[in-house]
N, C-alpha and C. Protein backbone atom coordinates (compact mmCIF):
# COMPACT_ATOMS: atom_id res chain seq x y z
N MET A 1 11.55 1.20 -44.79
CA MET A 1 10.44 0.56 -45.35
C MET A 1 9.38 1.62 -45.76
N VAL A 2 8.83 1.55 -46.97
CA VAL A 2 7.87 2.48 -47.47
C VAL A 2 6.43 1.78 -47.35
N ILE A 3 5.59 2.49 -46.71
CA ILE A 3 4.15 1.99 -46.60
C ILE A 3 3.40 2.77 -47.60
N ILE A 4 2.66 1.99 -48.53
CA ILE A 4 1.85 2.56 -49.45
C ILE A 4 0.36 2.23 -49.22
N GLU A 5 -0.55 2.78 -49.98
CA GLU A 5 -1.94 2.60 -49.94
C GLU A 5 -2.44 2.85 -48.46
N VAL A 6 -2.25 4.14 -47.95
CA VAL A 6 -2.63 4.38 -46.60
C VAL A 6 -3.95 5.27 -46.67
N PHE A 7 -4.69 5.32 -45.59
CA PHE A 7 -5.83 6.17 -45.48
C PHE A 7 -5.58 7.44 -44.76
N TYR A 8 -6.22 8.55 -45.13
CA TYR A 8 -6.18 9.76 -44.41
C TYR A 8 -7.33 9.87 -43.56
N ILE A 9 -7.13 10.10 -42.25
CA ILE A 9 -8.26 10.23 -41.33
C ILE A 9 -8.13 11.58 -40.63
N LEU A 10 -9.13 12.41 -40.92
CA LEU A 10 -9.13 13.82 -40.32
C LEU A 10 -9.05 13.77 -38.88
N ASN A 11 -8.20 14.64 -38.32
CA ASN A 11 -8.03 14.77 -36.78
C ASN A 11 -7.30 13.68 -36.13
N LEU A 12 -6.81 12.61 -36.90
CA LEU A 12 -6.04 11.57 -36.25
C LEU A 12 -4.63 12.14 -35.94
N LYS A 13 -4.25 11.96 -34.73
CA LYS A 13 -2.99 12.52 -34.27
C LYS A 13 -1.81 11.56 -34.28
N SER A 14 -2.04 10.35 -34.81
CA SER A 14 -0.97 9.24 -34.86
C SER A 14 -1.20 8.55 -36.06
N ASN A 15 -0.16 7.92 -36.58
CA ASN A 15 -0.26 7.02 -37.70
C ASN A 15 -0.38 5.57 -37.16
N LEU A 16 -1.32 4.78 -37.89
CA LEU A 16 -1.61 3.49 -37.48
C LEU A 16 -1.16 2.48 -38.56
N LEU A 17 -0.65 1.34 -38.20
CA LEU A 17 -0.25 0.37 -39.23
C LEU A 17 -1.22 -0.84 -38.93
N SER A 18 -1.61 -1.46 -40.05
CA SER A 18 -2.36 -2.72 -39.99
C SER A 18 -1.47 -3.90 -40.07
N ILE A 19 -1.60 -4.73 -39.03
CA ILE A 19 -0.80 -6.03 -39.10
C ILE A 19 -1.16 -6.89 -40.34
N ALA A 20 -2.48 -6.91 -40.61
CA ALA A 20 -2.90 -7.64 -41.84
C ALA A 20 -2.27 -7.17 -43.14
N GLN A 21 -2.17 -5.83 -43.26
CA GLN A 21 -1.51 -5.28 -44.42
C GLN A 21 0.01 -5.45 -44.52
N LEU A 22 0.66 -5.53 -43.33
CA LEU A 22 2.04 -5.81 -43.28
C LEU A 22 2.23 -7.28 -43.72
N GLN A 23 1.36 -8.12 -43.25
CA GLN A 23 1.57 -9.58 -43.68
C GLN A 23 1.28 -9.69 -45.24
N GLN A 24 0.33 -8.97 -45.78
CA GLN A 24 0.14 -9.02 -47.14
C GLN A 24 1.33 -8.63 -47.97
N ARG A 25 2.17 -7.80 -47.41
CA ARG A 25 3.51 -7.45 -48.00
C ARG A 25 4.65 -8.40 -47.62
N GLU A 26 4.27 -9.52 -47.21
CA GLU A 26 5.17 -10.60 -46.95
C GLU A 26 6.19 -10.24 -45.76
N LEU A 27 5.69 -9.47 -44.83
CA LEU A 27 6.39 -9.23 -43.59
C LEU A 27 5.87 -10.17 -42.46
N SER A 28 6.72 -10.59 -41.60
CA SER A 28 6.23 -11.53 -40.52
C SER A 28 6.22 -10.64 -39.23
N ILE A 29 5.17 -10.88 -38.46
CA ILE A 29 5.13 -10.15 -37.16
C ILE A 29 5.10 -11.18 -36.03
N LEU A 30 5.94 -11.05 -35.11
CA LEU A 30 6.11 -11.87 -33.94
C LEU A 30 5.80 -11.11 -32.64
N ILE A 31 4.64 -11.51 -32.01
CA ILE A 31 4.34 -10.85 -30.69
C ILE A 31 4.50 -11.88 -29.66
N HIS A 32 5.38 -11.53 -28.64
CA HIS A 32 5.75 -12.52 -27.58
C HIS A 32 6.15 -11.79 -26.33
N LYS A 33 5.50 -12.05 -25.17
CA LYS A 33 5.78 -11.44 -23.96
C LYS A 33 5.90 -9.98 -23.92
N GLY A 34 4.97 -9.31 -24.55
CA GLY A 34 4.91 -7.82 -24.60
C GLY A 34 5.87 -7.16 -25.52
N CYS A 35 6.43 -8.00 -26.43
CA CYS A 35 7.41 -7.37 -27.43
C CYS A 35 6.87 -7.71 -28.83
N CYS A 36 6.98 -6.82 -29.70
CA CYS A 36 6.46 -7.04 -31.09
C CYS A 36 7.68 -6.78 -32.02
N GLY A 37 7.91 -7.77 -32.92
CA GLY A 37 8.99 -7.65 -33.90
C GLY A 37 8.38 -7.85 -35.29
N ILE A 38 8.84 -7.03 -36.26
CA ILE A 38 8.45 -7.11 -37.64
C ILE A 38 9.65 -7.51 -38.37
N TYR A 39 9.51 -8.56 -39.21
CA TYR A 39 10.66 -9.19 -39.91
C TYR A 39 10.37 -9.17 -41.44
N HIS A 40 11.47 -8.97 -42.16
CA HIS A 40 11.44 -9.12 -43.63
C HIS A 40 12.23 -10.36 -43.99
N ASN A 41 11.69 -11.07 -45.00
CA ASN A 41 12.28 -12.46 -45.33
C ASN A 41 13.75 -12.33 -45.63
N ALA A 42 14.18 -11.29 -46.32
CA ALA A 42 15.59 -11.13 -46.76
C ALA A 42 16.40 -10.29 -45.81
N LYS A 43 15.75 -9.22 -45.19
CA LYS A 43 16.56 -8.32 -44.45
C LYS A 43 16.55 -8.62 -42.91
N GLY A 44 15.72 -9.53 -42.52
CA GLY A 44 15.54 -9.90 -41.12
C GLY A 44 14.74 -8.96 -40.30
N LEU A 45 15.16 -8.72 -39.00
CA LEU A 45 14.43 -7.76 -38.13
C LEU A 45 14.43 -6.39 -38.65
N ILE A 46 13.25 -5.79 -38.84
CA ILE A 46 13.17 -4.46 -39.31
C ILE A 46 12.99 -3.47 -38.10
N ILE A 47 12.13 -3.85 -37.22
CA ILE A 47 11.88 -3.02 -36.03
C ILE A 47 11.34 -3.87 -34.85
N ARG A 48 11.65 -3.56 -33.67
CA ARG A 48 11.16 -4.22 -32.45
C ARG A 48 10.65 -3.13 -31.44
N THR A 49 9.59 -3.34 -30.86
CA THR A 49 9.08 -2.44 -29.79
C THR A 49 8.32 -3.12 -28.74
N MET A 50 8.14 -2.47 -27.62
CA MET A 50 7.44 -3.06 -26.48
C MET A 50 6.04 -2.60 -26.40
N ILE A 51 5.18 -3.37 -25.76
CA ILE A 51 3.75 -2.93 -25.57
C ILE A 51 3.75 -1.80 -24.54
N ILE A 52 2.80 -0.91 -24.69
CA ILE A 52 2.58 0.21 -23.75
C ILE A 52 1.18 0.25 -23.27
N VAL A 53 0.76 1.28 -22.53
CA VAL A 53 -0.54 1.45 -22.06
C VAL A 53 -1.62 1.39 -23.18
N ASN A 54 -2.75 0.76 -22.87
CA ASN A 54 -3.85 0.56 -23.87
C ASN A 54 -3.52 -0.52 -24.83
N CYS A 55 -2.60 -1.37 -24.49
CA CYS A 55 -2.23 -2.54 -25.33
C CYS A 55 -1.86 -2.09 -26.74
N MET A 56 -1.06 -1.08 -26.94
CA MET A 56 -0.59 -0.59 -28.23
C MET A 56 0.91 -0.76 -28.25
N PHE A 57 1.40 -0.85 -29.52
CA PHE A 57 2.83 -0.91 -29.76
C PHE A 57 3.18 0.37 -30.53
N ILE A 58 4.13 1.21 -29.96
CA ILE A 58 4.50 2.30 -30.58
C ILE A 58 5.82 2.08 -31.48
N LEU A 59 5.69 2.34 -32.69
CA LEU A 59 6.87 2.17 -33.63
C LEU A 59 7.64 3.35 -33.68
N LEU A 60 7.00 4.50 -33.88
CA LEU A 60 7.62 5.83 -34.00
C LEU A 60 6.82 6.75 -33.20
N SER A 61 7.47 7.51 -32.34
CA SER A 61 6.67 8.40 -31.61
C SER A 61 6.80 9.83 -32.15
N SER A 62 5.66 10.56 -32.00
CA SER A 62 5.54 12.00 -32.51
C SER A 62 6.28 12.82 -31.54
N ILE A 63 6.64 13.98 -32.05
CA ILE A 63 7.15 15.10 -31.21
C ILE A 63 6.21 16.08 -30.82
N PRO A 64 5.66 15.97 -29.51
CA PRO A 64 4.72 16.91 -29.10
C PRO A 64 5.24 18.32 -28.96
N PRO A 65 4.53 19.41 -28.95
CA PRO A 65 3.10 19.31 -29.17
C PRO A 65 2.78 19.31 -30.67
N TYR A 66 1.68 18.65 -31.05
CA TYR A 66 1.31 18.64 -32.50
C TYR A 66 0.73 19.97 -32.90
N ASN A 67 1.13 20.43 -33.96
CA ASN A 67 0.39 21.51 -34.60
C ASN A 67 0.14 21.06 -36.08
N THR A 68 -0.61 21.84 -36.79
CA THR A 68 -1.10 21.43 -38.13
C THR A 68 0.21 21.22 -39.05
N THR A 69 1.23 22.07 -39.00
CA THR A 69 2.37 21.84 -39.81
C THR A 69 3.06 20.56 -39.46
N SER A 70 3.32 20.26 -38.28
CA SER A 70 4.05 19.03 -37.91
C SER A 70 3.25 17.83 -38.30
N LEU A 71 1.99 17.93 -38.23
CA LEU A 71 1.08 16.78 -38.58
C LEU A 71 1.17 16.48 -39.99
N TRP A 72 1.09 17.54 -40.86
CA TRP A 72 1.19 17.32 -42.28
C TRP A 72 2.55 16.97 -42.72
N HIS A 73 3.61 17.42 -42.01
CA HIS A 73 4.95 17.07 -42.24
C HIS A 73 5.09 15.51 -42.06
N GLN A 74 4.57 15.05 -41.03
CA GLN A 74 4.68 13.54 -40.80
C GLN A 74 3.76 12.76 -41.75
N ARG A 75 2.66 13.23 -42.07
CA ARG A 75 1.77 12.44 -43.04
C ARG A 75 2.36 12.39 -44.36
N PHE A 76 3.11 13.41 -44.85
CA PHE A 76 3.79 13.43 -46.12
C PHE A 76 5.19 12.87 -46.06
N ARG A 77 5.47 11.97 -45.14
CA ARG A 77 6.78 11.32 -44.94
C ARG A 77 7.90 12.29 -44.75
N HIS A 78 7.70 13.27 -43.89
CA HIS A 78 8.65 14.29 -43.51
C HIS A 78 9.13 15.20 -44.68
N LEU A 79 8.07 15.48 -45.58
CA LEU A 79 8.40 16.51 -46.62
C LEU A 79 8.73 17.84 -45.99
N ASN A 80 9.59 18.57 -46.64
CA ASN A 80 10.04 19.85 -46.10
C ASN A 80 8.96 20.89 -46.10
N ILE A 81 9.06 21.89 -45.32
CA ILE A 81 8.03 22.92 -45.11
C ILE A 81 7.82 23.69 -46.45
N LYS A 82 8.87 23.95 -47.13
CA LYS A 82 8.73 24.69 -48.37
C LYS A 82 7.78 24.00 -49.32
N GLU A 83 7.95 22.66 -49.45
CA GLU A 83 7.14 21.90 -50.31
C GLU A 83 5.66 21.74 -49.87
N LEU A 84 5.51 21.80 -48.49
CA LEU A 84 4.19 21.75 -48.02
C LEU A 84 3.47 23.18 -48.31
N CYS A 85 4.22 24.22 -48.23
CA CYS A 85 3.71 25.50 -48.58
C CYS A 85 3.31 25.61 -50.06
N THR A 86 4.08 25.04 -50.88
CA THR A 86 3.85 24.97 -52.34
C THR A 86 2.53 24.23 -52.55
N MET A 87 2.35 23.09 -51.89
CA MET A 87 1.18 22.25 -52.09
C MET A 87 -0.10 23.03 -51.61
N THR A 88 0.11 23.87 -50.54
CA THR A 88 -1.00 24.61 -50.10
C THR A 88 -1.30 25.71 -51.07
N TYR A 89 -0.29 26.44 -51.55
CA TYR A 89 -0.44 27.57 -52.44
C TYR A 89 -1.19 27.07 -53.78
N LYS A 90 -0.69 25.93 -54.27
CA LYS A 90 -1.27 25.45 -55.57
C LYS A 90 -2.50 24.56 -55.37
N ARG A 91 -2.92 24.40 -54.11
CA ARG A 91 -4.15 23.66 -53.78
C ARG A 91 -4.12 22.16 -54.30
N ILE A 92 -2.88 21.56 -54.13
CA ILE A 92 -2.74 20.27 -54.63
C ILE A 92 -3.44 19.19 -53.82
N VAL A 93 -3.46 19.52 -52.43
CA VAL A 93 -4.19 18.57 -51.47
C VAL A 93 -5.34 19.25 -50.88
N HIS A 94 -6.48 18.70 -50.97
CA HIS A 94 -7.67 19.25 -50.33
C HIS A 94 -7.58 19.21 -48.81
N GLY A 95 -7.70 20.31 -48.15
CA GLY A 95 -7.71 20.38 -46.69
C GLY A 95 -6.39 20.70 -46.08
N LEU A 96 -5.38 20.80 -46.96
CA LEU A 96 -4.04 21.14 -46.41
C LEU A 96 -3.85 22.60 -46.05
N HIS A 97 -3.89 22.90 -44.84
CA HIS A 97 -3.69 24.39 -44.40
C HIS A 97 -2.56 24.37 -43.41
N ILE A 98 -1.50 25.18 -43.83
CA ILE A 98 -0.33 25.21 -42.89
C ILE A 98 -0.07 26.69 -42.68
């Protein structure tokens, strides 16, 4: 699943998904007994996860420890390091320092 129209938040160490935005993209969210499932009309269940501490659902976990390179790598949908370096060199993205 590709998520578009996302916000960049400086110093955020995790990616967040909005349930309202998922519903706008015609996905269904079912939360029941500490379990969250996201469903696509044609494909069925896309992902299921359990509730954790602080009443949050983790869909994908990050690989600690976070450093600047791994954070940008995740923010750009796991773009390879060479491409991240090119973006830094050409100053394509403001604030990208790896």
